[in-house]
Amino acid sequence: MAEVTGPISSLPGASHAVPDGMMCDDHPDRRAIARVQGETDSFGCELHDMCQECLDEYRAHLCSDEAQQHRKGQCEWCKGHAEDLRDARDYEEGVCGRVYRVCGACIKRVNEEAARELEEMESFDLRDEEDDDFCYGCYDHGEVRGSDDGEWQGYCTCATGLRLKGEAEARYRAASAKGSTR
């Protein structure tokens, strides 16, 4: 019987390792030599275990007229008619999100946008010493107090920084009055 997974990031048609001793889903007297991902959604997928005969039939089906017709239709992203539909996920929905039927032009556009974003991020270094005193209250460097050797230890003089400093000092005074420094 086909195995059902939990959320999974691969797409329908992906090959997976066949566990030892697995038998073919359609021929229980034959050992499975292939495991192919079938119906997939954001909750998981079906994994089909196949013997050589079933795998050959599956591969022949991929080249059939019926399979070619399945690649034609309306793209779920651009809503245009396409003859090269394929399964894809929206990067912004996560690697285990919904599976869409998408045209090649949309796949190309989304991949190019993602490549541009990654290229822009290459120059961004979270360990950049210039950003050690960046204040996320005023989104600027402000005037940082209590900084030692570039390591954040203090507060920014922006309104948010001063408010957070005051709140922290008030908590410390209240805890100290009770005999605890926590």
N, C-alpha and C. Protein backbone atom coordinates (compact mmCIF):
# COMPACT_ATOMS: atom_id res chain seq x y z
N MET A 1 0.85 -1.19 0.00
CA MET A 1 0.00 0.00 0.00
C MET A 1 0.88 1.24 0.00
N ALA A 2 0.45 2.26 -0.70
CA ALA A 2 1.21 3.50 -0.79
C ALA A 2 1.33 4.12 0.59
N GLU A 3 2.53 4.62 0.88
CA GLU A 3 2.77 5.28 2.16
C GLU A 3 2.31 6.73 2.04
N VAL A 4 1.77 7.27 3.14
CA VAL A 4 1.35 8.66 3.19
C VAL A 4 2.29 9.37 4.15
N THR A 5 2.84 10.51 3.72
CA THR A 5 3.78 11.25 4.56
C THR A 5 3.07 12.40 5.25
N GLY A 6 3.81 13.10 6.08
CA GLY A 6 3.39 14.39 6.60
C GLY A 6 3.87 15.44 5.62
N PRO A 7 3.86 16.71 6.01
CA PRO A 7 4.32 17.77 5.10
C PRO A 7 5.69 17.42 4.51
N ILE A 8 5.83 17.69 3.21
CA ILE A 8 7.04 17.32 2.49
C ILE A 8 7.34 18.41 1.46
N SER A 9 8.62 18.67 1.23
CA SER A 9 9.01 19.78 0.36
C SER A 9 9.18 19.39 -1.11
N SER A 10 9.28 18.11 -1.42
CA SER A 10 9.46 17.70 -2.81
C SER A 10 8.12 17.73 -3.55
N LEU A 11 8.19 17.63 -4.86
CA LEU A 11 7.00 17.74 -5.71
C LEU A 11 6.60 16.39 -6.29
N PRO A 12 5.37 16.27 -6.80
CA PRO A 12 4.94 15.02 -7.42
C PRO A 12 5.91 14.58 -8.51
N GLY A 13 6.15 13.28 -8.58
CA GLY A 13 7.08 12.73 -9.56
C GLY A 13 8.48 12.53 -9.01
N ALA A 14 8.77 13.07 -7.83
CA ALA A 14 10.10 12.92 -7.24
C ALA A 14 10.33 11.47 -6.83
N SER A 15 11.57 11.02 -6.99
CA SER A 15 11.95 9.67 -6.58
C SER A 15 12.45 9.71 -5.14
N HIS A 16 12.14 8.66 -4.40
CA HIS A 16 12.57 8.54 -3.00
C HIS A 16 13.21 7.17 -2.81
N ALA A 17 14.01 7.04 -1.78
CA ALA A 17 14.65 5.76 -1.47
C ALA A 17 13.58 4.73 -1.08
N VAL A 18 13.77 3.53 -1.55
CA VAL A 18 12.85 2.44 -1.23
C VAL A 18 13.34 1.75 0.03
N PRO A 19 12.53 1.71 1.08
CA PRO A 19 12.96 1.01 2.30
C PRO A 19 13.15 -0.49 2.03
N ASP A 20 14.06 -1.08 2.76
CA ASP A 20 14.31 -2.52 2.61
C ASP A 20 13.03 -3.31 2.84
N GLY A 21 12.81 -4.29 1.99
CA GLY A 21 11.68 -5.20 2.15
C GLY A 21 10.35 -4.69 1.64
N MET A 22 10.32 -3.51 1.02
CA MET A 22 9.05 -2.98 0.51
C MET A 22 8.62 -3.78 -0.71
N MET A 23 7.32 -3.99 -0.81
CA MET A 23 6.74 -4.71 -1.93
C MET A 23 5.98 -3.73 -2.80
N CYS A 24 5.79 -4.09 -4.05
CA CYS A 24 5.06 -3.27 -5.02
C CYS A 24 3.63 -3.07 -4.56
N ASP A 25 3.12 -1.86 -4.73
CA ASP A 25 1.74 -1.57 -4.33
C ASP A 25 0.73 -2.37 -5.14
N ASP A 26 0.99 -2.59 -6.43
CA ASP A 26 0.05 -3.29 -7.29
C ASP A 26 0.32 -4.79 -7.39
N HIS A 27 1.54 -5.19 -7.09
CA HIS A 27 1.93 -6.61 -7.16
C HIS A 27 2.61 -6.99 -5.84
N PRO A 28 1.84 -7.34 -4.82
CA PRO A 28 2.39 -7.59 -3.49
C PRO A 28 3.38 -8.75 -3.40
N ASP A 29 3.48 -9.55 -4.49
CA ASP A 29 4.43 -10.66 -4.49
C ASP A 29 5.79 -10.25 -5.07
N ARG A 30 5.93 -8.98 -5.49
CA ARG A 30 7.18 -8.49 -6.09
C ARG A 30 7.80 -7.39 -5.24
N ARG A 31 9.13 -7.42 -5.16
CA ARG A 31 9.85 -6.38 -4.43
C ARG A 31 9.78 -5.06 -5.19
N ALA A 32 9.63 -3.98 -4.43
CA ALA A 32 9.62 -2.65 -5.03
C ALA A 32 11.06 -2.23 -5.33
N ILE A 33 11.26 -1.66 -6.51
CA ILE A 33 12.57 -1.16 -6.89
C ILE A 33 12.58 0.37 -7.01
N ALA A 34 11.39 0.97 -6.93
CA ALA A 34 11.28 2.42 -7.04
C ALA A 34 10.17 2.93 -6.14
N ARG A 35 10.37 4.14 -5.63
CA ARG A 35 9.34 4.81 -4.82
C ARG A 35 9.18 6.20 -5.42
N VAL A 36 7.97 6.48 -5.93
CA VAL A 36 7.71 7.73 -6.63
C VAL A 36 6.62 8.50 -5.89
N GLN A 37 6.85 9.79 -5.76
CA GLN A 37 5.89 10.66 -5.08
C GLN A 37 4.69 10.90 -5.97
N GLY A 38 3.52 10.69 -5.41
CA GLY A 38 2.28 10.91 -6.15
C GLY A 38 1.59 12.17 -5.71
N GLU A 39 0.28 12.09 -5.51
CA GLU A 39 -0.51 13.26 -5.13
C GLU A 39 0.10 13.95 -3.92
N THR A 40 0.25 15.27 -4.03
CA THR A 40 0.93 16.05 -3.00
C THR A 40 0.15 17.31 -2.70
N ASP A 41 0.04 17.63 -1.43
CA ASP A 41 -0.53 18.92 -1.02
C ASP A 41 0.22 19.41 0.20
N SER A 42 -0.26 20.46 0.84
CA SER A 42 0.47 21.02 1.97
C SER A 42 0.44 20.13 3.21
N PHE A 43 -0.37 19.10 3.20
CA PHE A 43 -0.44 18.19 4.34
C PHE A 43 0.48 16.98 4.18
N GLY A 44 0.94 16.70 2.96
CA GLY A 44 1.81 15.56 2.73
C GLY A 44 1.63 15.01 1.33
N CYS A 45 2.03 13.75 1.16
CA CYS A 45 1.92 13.13 -0.16
C CYS A 45 1.75 11.63 -0.03
N GLU A 46 1.45 11.02 -1.17
CA GLU A 46 1.42 9.56 -1.27
C GLU A 46 2.72 9.14 -1.94
N LEU A 47 3.34 8.09 -1.42
CA LEU A 47 4.54 7.53 -2.04
C LEU A 47 4.16 6.16 -2.59
N HIS A 48 4.35 5.97 -3.89
CA HIS A 48 3.97 4.73 -4.56
C HIS A 48 5.20 3.85 -4.75
N ASP A 49 5.11 2.64 -4.22
CA ASP A 49 6.19 1.66 -4.37
C ASP A 49 5.90 0.82 -5.61
N MET A 50 6.91 0.69 -6.49
CA MET A 50 6.71 0.04 -7.79
C MET A 50 7.75 -1.03 -8.07
N CYS A 51 7.28 -2.12 -8.68
CA CYS A 51 8.18 -3.13 -9.21
C CYS A 51 8.66 -2.64 -10.59
N GLN A 52 9.52 -3.41 -11.25
CA GLN A 52 10.05 -2.98 -12.55
C GLN A 52 8.93 -2.80 -13.58
N GLU A 53 7.96 -3.71 -13.60
CA GLU A 53 6.87 -3.60 -14.56
C GLU A 53 6.07 -2.32 -14.34
N CYS A 54 5.73 -2.01 -13.09
CA CYS A 54 4.97 -0.79 -12.79
C CYS A 54 5.78 0.46 -13.09
N LEU A 55 7.08 0.42 -12.82
CA LEU A 55 7.94 1.57 -13.10
C LEU A 55 8.01 1.82 -14.61
N ASP A 56 8.12 0.74 -15.39
CA ASP A 56 8.14 0.88 -16.85
C ASP A 56 6.82 1.48 -17.35
N GLU A 57 5.69 1.03 -16.80
CA GLU A 57 4.39 1.58 -17.17
C GLU A 57 4.30 3.06 -16.80
N TYR A 58 4.80 3.41 -15.62
CA TYR A 58 4.78 4.81 -15.16
C TYR A 58 5.60 5.69 -16.10
N ARG A 59 6.79 5.23 -16.45
CA ARG A 59 7.65 6.01 -17.36
C ARG A 59 7.02 6.14 -18.75
N ALA A 60 6.37 5.09 -19.23
CA ALA A 60 5.70 5.15 -20.53
C ALA A 60 4.55 6.15 -20.48
N HIS A 61 3.85 6.17 -19.35
CA HIS A 61 2.74 7.12 -19.20
C HIS A 61 3.24 8.57 -19.27
N LEU A 62 4.42 8.84 -18.71
CA LEU A 62 4.97 10.20 -18.73
C LEU A 62 5.17 10.72 -20.16
N CYS A 63 5.37 9.80 -21.11
CA CYS A 63 5.57 10.18 -22.51
C CYS A 63 4.29 10.09 -23.34
N SER A 64 3.21 9.70 -22.72
CA SER A 64 1.96 9.47 -23.46
C SER A 64 1.25 10.77 -23.81
N ASP A 65 0.29 10.65 -24.75
CA ASP A 65 -0.54 11.79 -25.14
C ASP A 65 -1.36 12.29 -23.94
N GLU A 66 -1.81 11.38 -23.10
CA GLU A 66 -2.59 11.76 -21.92
C GLU A 66 -1.77 12.65 -20.98
N ALA A 67 -0.51 12.29 -20.78
CA ALA A 67 0.37 13.09 -19.93
C ALA A 67 0.63 14.46 -20.56
N GLN A 68 0.78 14.49 -21.89
CA GLN A 68 0.99 15.77 -22.57
C GLN A 68 -0.23 16.67 -22.44
N GLN A 69 -1.42 16.09 -22.47
CA GLN A 69 -2.65 16.87 -22.30
C GLN A 69 -2.73 17.45 -20.89
N HIS A 70 -2.20 16.73 -19.91
CA HIS A 70 -2.20 17.19 -18.52
C HIS A 70 -1.34 18.43 -18.35
N ARG A 71 -0.39 18.65 -19.26
CA ARG A 71 0.49 19.82 -19.19
C ARG A 71 -0.14 21.05 -19.83
N LYS A 72 -1.33 20.91 -20.38
CA LYS A 72 -2.03 22.04 -21.01
C LYS A 72 -3.14 22.53 -20.10
N GLY A 73 -3.37 23.83 -20.12
CA GLY A 73 -4.45 24.39 -19.32
C GLY A 73 -4.13 25.79 -18.85
N GLN A 74 -4.82 26.21 -17.81
CA GLN A 74 -4.66 27.56 -17.28
C GLN A 74 -3.65 27.58 -16.14
N CYS A 75 -2.68 28.50 -16.25
CA CYS A 75 -1.68 28.69 -15.20
C CYS A 75 -2.38 29.28 -13.98
N GLU A 76 -2.10 28.73 -12.81
CA GLU A 76 -2.74 29.22 -11.59
C GLU A 76 -2.17 30.54 -11.12
N TRP A 77 -1.03 30.97 -11.65
CA TRP A 77 -0.44 32.24 -11.22
C TRP A 77 -0.80 33.37 -12.17
N CYS A 78 -0.57 33.22 -13.46
CA CYS A 78 -0.84 34.32 -14.40
C CYS A 78 -2.22 34.21 -15.04
N LYS A 79 -2.88 33.08 -14.85
CA LYS A 79 -4.22 32.81 -15.40
C LYS A 79 -4.24 32.70 -16.92
N GLY A 80 -3.08 32.68 -17.56
CA GLY A 80 -3.01 32.52 -19.01
C GLY A 80 -3.04 31.06 -19.40
N HIS A 81 -3.38 30.80 -20.67
CA HIS A 81 -3.36 29.42 -21.18
C HIS A 81 -1.91 29.02 -21.45
N ALA A 82 -1.56 27.80 -21.09
CA ALA A 82 -0.19 27.33 -21.29
C ALA A 82 -0.19 25.88 -21.74
N GLU A 83 0.87 25.51 -22.42
CA GLU A 83 1.05 24.12 -22.84
C GLU A 83 2.24 23.48 -22.14
N ASP A 84 2.77 24.17 -21.13
CA ASP A 84 3.93 23.65 -20.41
C ASP A 84 3.73 23.74 -18.90
N LEU A 85 2.52 23.40 -18.43
CA LEU A 85 2.24 23.45 -16.99
C LEU A 85 3.07 22.42 -16.25
N ARG A 86 3.46 22.79 -15.05
CA ARG A 86 4.18 21.87 -14.17
C ARG A 86 3.85 22.23 -12.74
N ASP A 87 4.17 21.34 -11.82
CA ASP A 87 3.91 21.57 -10.40
C ASP A 87 4.98 22.49 -9.84
N ALA A 88 4.55 23.41 -8.95
CA ALA A 88 5.48 24.34 -8.31
C ALA A 88 4.88 24.82 -7.01
N ARG A 89 5.76 25.34 -6.16
CA ARG A 89 5.33 25.96 -4.91
C ARG A 89 5.72 27.43 -4.93
N ASP A 90 4.98 28.22 -4.19
CA ASP A 90 5.29 29.64 -4.04
C ASP A 90 6.31 29.74 -2.91
N TYR A 91 7.50 30.30 -3.20
CA TYR A 91 8.56 30.41 -2.20
C TYR A 91 8.07 31.12 -0.94
N GLU A 92 7.22 32.11 -1.11
CA GLU A 92 6.76 32.89 0.03
C GLU A 92 5.80 32.11 0.92
N GLU A 93 5.26 31.00 0.44
CA GLU A 93 4.37 30.17 1.25
C GLU A 93 5.13 29.06 1.95
N GLY A 94 6.42 28.96 1.72
CA GLY A 94 7.23 27.95 2.38
C GLY A 94 7.43 26.72 1.53
N VAL A 95 8.39 25.91 1.92
CA VAL A 95 8.76 24.75 1.11
C VAL A 95 7.73 23.62 1.16
N CYS A 96 6.82 23.66 2.11
CA CYS A 96 5.79 22.63 2.20
C CYS A 96 4.40 23.19 1.94
N GLY A 97 4.32 24.32 1.26
CA GLY A 97 3.03 24.96 0.98
C GLY A 97 2.28 24.25 -0.13
N ARG A 98 1.23 24.90 -0.56
CA ARG A 98 0.35 24.36 -1.61
C ARG A 98 1.14 24.12 -2.90
N VAL A 99 0.73 23.10 -3.64
CA VAL A 99 1.32 22.82 -4.95
C VAL A 99 0.41 23.43 -6.01
N TYR A 100 0.98 24.25 -6.89
CA TYR A 100 0.25 24.92 -7.96
C TYR A 100 0.61 24.32 -9.30
N ARG A 101 -0.28 24.45 -10.30
CA ARG A 101 0.01 24.10 -11.70
C ARG A 101 0.38 25.42 -12.37
N VAL A 102 1.65 25.54 -12.78
CA VAL A 102 2.20 26.82 -13.21
C VAL A 102 2.90 26.68 -14.56
N CYS A 103 2.81 27.74 -15.38
CA CYS A 103 3.47 27.72 -16.69
C CYS A 103 4.97 27.99 -16.56
N GLY A 104 5.70 27.64 -17.59
CA GLY A 104 7.15 27.83 -17.60
C GLY A 104 7.56 29.29 -17.48
N ALA A 105 6.78 30.21 -18.08
CA ALA A 105 7.11 31.64 -18.01
C ALA A 105 7.02 32.14 -16.56
N CYS A 106 6.03 31.70 -15.82
CA CYS A 106 5.90 32.12 -14.42
C CYS A 106 7.03 31.53 -13.58
N ILE A 107 7.37 30.27 -13.83
CA ILE A 107 8.48 29.65 -13.10
C ILE A 107 9.75 30.45 -13.35
N LYS A 108 10.01 30.80 -14.61
CA LYS A 108 11.21 31.56 -14.95
C LYS A 108 11.20 32.91 -14.26
N ARG A 109 10.07 33.61 -14.29
CA ARG A 109 9.97 34.93 -13.67
C ARG A 109 10.24 34.85 -12.17
N VAL A 110 9.60 33.90 -11.49
CA VAL A 110 9.77 33.77 -10.04
C VAL A 110 11.21 33.38 -9.69
N ASN A 111 11.80 32.49 -10.46
CA ASN A 111 13.18 32.09 -10.19
C ASN A 111 14.15 33.25 -10.41
N GLU A 112 13.90 34.06 -11.43
CA GLU A 112 14.77 35.22 -11.68
C GLU A 112 14.63 36.25 -10.56
N GLU A 113 13.40 36.45 -10.07
CA GLU A 113 13.19 37.37 -8.94
C GLU A 113 13.92 36.87 -7.70
N ALA A 114 13.82 35.57 -7.44
CA ALA A 114 14.50 35.00 -6.27
C ALA A 114 16.01 35.12 -6.41
N ALA A 115 16.53 34.90 -7.61
CA ALA A 115 17.97 35.02 -7.83
C ALA A 115 18.44 36.46 -7.59
N ARG A 116 17.64 37.44 -8.04
CA ARG A 116 17.98 38.84 -7.79
C ARG A 116 17.99 39.15 -6.30
N GLU A 117 16.99 38.66 -5.57
CA GLU A 117 16.93 38.88 -4.13
C GLU A 117 18.14 38.28 -3.43
N LEU A 118 18.51 37.06 -3.83
CA LEU A 118 19.68 36.41 -3.22
C LEU A 118 20.96 37.19 -3.52
N GLU A 119 21.06 37.66 -4.75
CA GLU A 119 22.23 38.44 -5.13
C GLU A 119 22.33 39.72 -4.30
N GLU A 120 21.20 40.39 -4.08
CA GLU A 120 21.18 41.59 -3.26
C GLU A 120 21.56 41.28 -1.82
N MET A 121 21.19 40.11 -1.34
CA MET A 121 21.47 39.74 0.05
C MET A 121 22.91 39.32 0.27
N GLU A 122 23.63 38.98 -0.79
CA GLU A 122 25.02 38.54 -0.64
C GLU A 122 25.87 39.58 0.08
N SER A 123 25.60 40.85 -0.16
CA SER A 123 26.40 41.89 0.46
C SER A 123 25.95 42.19 1.89
N PHE A 124 24.83 41.62 2.31
CA PHE A 124 24.32 41.86 3.66
C PHE A 124 24.97 40.88 4.62
N ASP A 125 25.69 41.40 5.60
CA ASP A 125 26.38 40.56 6.58
C ASP A 125 25.87 40.92 7.96
N LEU A 126 25.21 39.98 8.62
CA LEU A 126 24.68 40.24 9.95
C LEU A 126 25.79 40.52 10.96
N ARG A 127 27.00 40.12 10.64
CA ARG A 127 28.12 40.33 11.56
C ARG A 127 28.89 41.62 11.25
N ASP A 128 28.35 42.43 10.35
CA ASP A 128 29.00 43.67 9.96
C ASP A 128 29.14 44.58 11.18
N GLU A 129 30.38 44.94 11.51
CA GLU A 129 30.64 45.73 12.71
C GLU A 129 29.96 47.08 12.68
N GLU A 130 29.73 47.64 11.51
CA GLU A 130 29.07 48.94 11.43
C GLU A 130 27.63 48.86 11.93
N ASP A 131 27.03 47.70 11.91
CA ASP A 131 25.64 47.56 12.33
C ASP A 131 25.51 47.08 13.77
N ASP A 132 26.62 46.95 14.51
CA ASP A 132 26.54 46.46 15.88
C ASP A 132 25.68 47.35 16.77
N ASP A 133 25.64 48.66 16.47
CA ASP A 133 24.89 49.56 17.32
C ASP A 133 23.60 50.04 16.65
N PHE A 134 23.09 49.26 15.72
CA PHE A 134 21.86 49.62 15.02
C PHE A 134 20.68 49.51 15.98
N CYS A 135 19.82 50.52 16.00
CA CYS A 135 18.66 50.54 16.87
C CYS A 135 17.42 50.14 16.07
N TYR A 136 16.73 49.13 16.52
CA TYR A 136 15.54 48.68 15.83
C TYR A 136 14.30 49.46 16.29
N GLY A 137 14.49 50.43 17.17
CA GLY A 137 13.40 51.32 17.57
C GLY A 137 13.27 52.46 16.59
N CYS A 138 14.40 53.11 16.26
CA CYS A 138 14.35 54.26 15.35
C CYS A 138 14.86 53.89 13.96
N TYR A 139 15.32 52.64 13.78
CA TYR A 139 15.86 52.17 12.51
C TYR A 139 17.01 53.05 12.04
N ASP A 140 17.84 53.41 12.98
CA ASP A 140 19.01 54.22 12.68
C ASP A 140 20.08 53.86 13.70
N HIS A 141 21.22 54.46 13.59
CA HIS A 141 22.28 54.20 14.55
C HIS A 141 22.09 55.05 15.80
N GLY A 142 21.32 56.12 15.71
CA GLY A 142 21.06 56.96 16.88
C GLY A 142 22.35 57.31 17.59
N GLU A 143 22.26 57.64 18.85
CA GLU A 143 23.45 57.87 19.66
C GLU A 143 23.46 56.77 20.70
N VAL A 144 24.33 55.82 20.52
CA VAL A 144 24.34 54.63 21.37
C VAL A 144 25.15 54.90 22.63
N ARG A 145 24.56 54.57 23.76
CA ARG A 145 25.22 54.72 25.06
C ARG A 145 25.51 53.35 25.63
N GLY A 146 26.62 53.23 26.33
CA GLY A 146 26.95 51.98 27.00
C GLY A 146 27.53 50.95 26.07
N SER A 147 28.08 51.38 24.96
CA SER A 147 28.67 50.45 24.02
C SER A 147 30.15 50.29 24.36
N ASP A 148 30.64 49.06 24.38
CA ASP A 148 32.04 48.79 24.72
C ASP A 148 32.65 47.96 23.60
N ASP A 149 33.65 48.48 22.94
CA ASP A 149 34.34 47.78 21.85
C ASP A 149 33.36 47.33 20.75
N GLY A 150 32.35 48.15 20.49
CA GLY A 150 31.41 47.83 19.42
C GLY A 150 30.36 46.81 19.80
N GLU A 151 30.40 46.28 21.02
CA GLU A 151 29.41 45.29 21.44
C GLU A 151 28.24 46.01 22.12
N TRP A 152 27.03 45.71 21.71
CA TRP A 152 25.85 46.37 22.24
C TRP A 152 25.68 46.02 23.72
N GLN A 153 25.65 47.05 24.56
CA GLN A 153 25.42 46.84 25.99
C GLN A 153 24.47 47.88 26.55
N GLY A 154 24.13 48.87 25.76
CA GLY A 154 23.39 49.99 26.30
C GLY A 154 22.08 50.24 25.62
N TYR A 155 21.87 51.47 25.23
CA TYR A 155 20.60 51.89 24.67
C TYR A 155 20.83 53.01 23.67
N CYS A 156 19.83 53.22 22.85
CA CYS A 156 19.86 54.32 21.89
C CYS A 156 19.14 55.50 22.51
N THR A 157 19.51 56.69 22.11
CA THR A 157 18.86 57.89 22.66
C THR A 157 17.57 58.25 21.94
N CYS A 158 17.10 57.42 21.02
CA CYS A 158 15.81 57.68 20.38
C CYS A 158 14.72 57.45 21.43
N ALA A 159 13.49 57.90 21.14
CA ALA A 159 12.39 57.78 22.11
C ALA A 159 12.15 56.34 22.52
N THR A 160 12.18 55.42 21.57
CA THR A 160 11.96 54.00 21.89
C THR A 160 13.07 53.47 22.76
N GLY A 161 14.31 53.81 22.43
CA GLY A 161 15.45 53.35 23.23
C GLY A 161 15.37 53.85 24.65
N LEU A 162 15.03 55.12 24.84
CA LEU A 162 14.93 55.69 26.19
C LEU A 162 13.78 55.04 26.96
N ARG A 163 12.65 54.77 26.28
CA ARG A 163 11.52 54.12 26.94
C ARG A 163 11.89 52.71 27.40
N LEU A 164 12.55 51.95 26.50
CA LEU A 164 12.96 50.59 26.85
C LEU A 164 13.98 50.59 27.99
N LYS A 165 14.89 51.56 27.98
CA LYS A 165 15.88 51.70 29.06
C LYS A 165 15.16 51.96 30.38
N GLY A 166 14.19 52.90 30.36
CA GLY A 166 13.44 53.22 31.57
C GLY A 166 12.67 52.02 32.11
N GLU A 167 12.04 51.26 31.21
CA GLU A 167 11.29 50.08 31.63
C GLU A 167 12.22 49.03 32.24
N ALA A 168 13.38 48.84 31.64
CA ALA A 168 14.34 47.86 32.16
C ALA A 168 14.84 48.28 33.54
N GLU A 169 15.13 49.58 33.69
CA GLU A 169 15.61 50.07 34.99
C GLU A 169 14.52 49.94 36.05
N ALA A 170 13.26 50.19 35.69
CA ALA A 170 12.15 50.06 36.63
C ALA A 170 11.98 48.61 37.06
N ARG A 171 12.07 47.67 36.13
CA ARG A 171 11.99 46.23 36.48
C ARG A 171 13.11 45.85 37.42
N TYR A 172 14.31 46.34 37.14
CA TYR A 172 15.47 46.01 37.98
C TYR A 172 15.27 46.56 39.39
N ARG A 173 14.80 47.81 39.49
CA ARG A 173 14.58 48.41 40.82
C ARG A 173 13.51 47.63 41.59
N ALA A 174 12.43 47.23 40.91
CA ALA A 174 11.37 46.47 41.58
C ALA A 174 11.88 45.12 42.05
N ALA A 175 12.67 44.45 41.23
CA ALA A 175 13.22 43.15 41.60
C ALA A 175 14.22 43.30 42.75
N SER A 176 15.00 44.36 42.72
CA SER A 176 16.01 44.60 43.77
C SER A 176 15.32 44.87 45.09
N ALA A 177 14.19 45.58 45.07
CA ALA A 177 13.45 45.89 46.28
C ALA A 177 12.92 44.62 46.93
N LYS A 178 12.63 43.60 46.13
CA LYS A 178 12.12 42.32 46.65
C LYS A 178 13.25 41.39 47.07
N GLY A 179 14.50 41.81 46.82
CA GLY A 179 15.64 40.98 47.21
C GLY A 179 16.11 40.04 46.11
N SER A 180 15.60 40.24 44.92
CA SER A 180 15.99 39.42 43.77
C SER A 180 16.49 40.31 42.67
N THR A 181 17.53 39.89 41.99
CA THR A 181 18.05 40.68 40.87
C THR A 181 17.51 40.17 39.53
N ARG A 182 16.54 39.33 39.56
CA ARG A 182 15.95 38.77 38.34
C ARG A 182 14.77 39.49 37.95
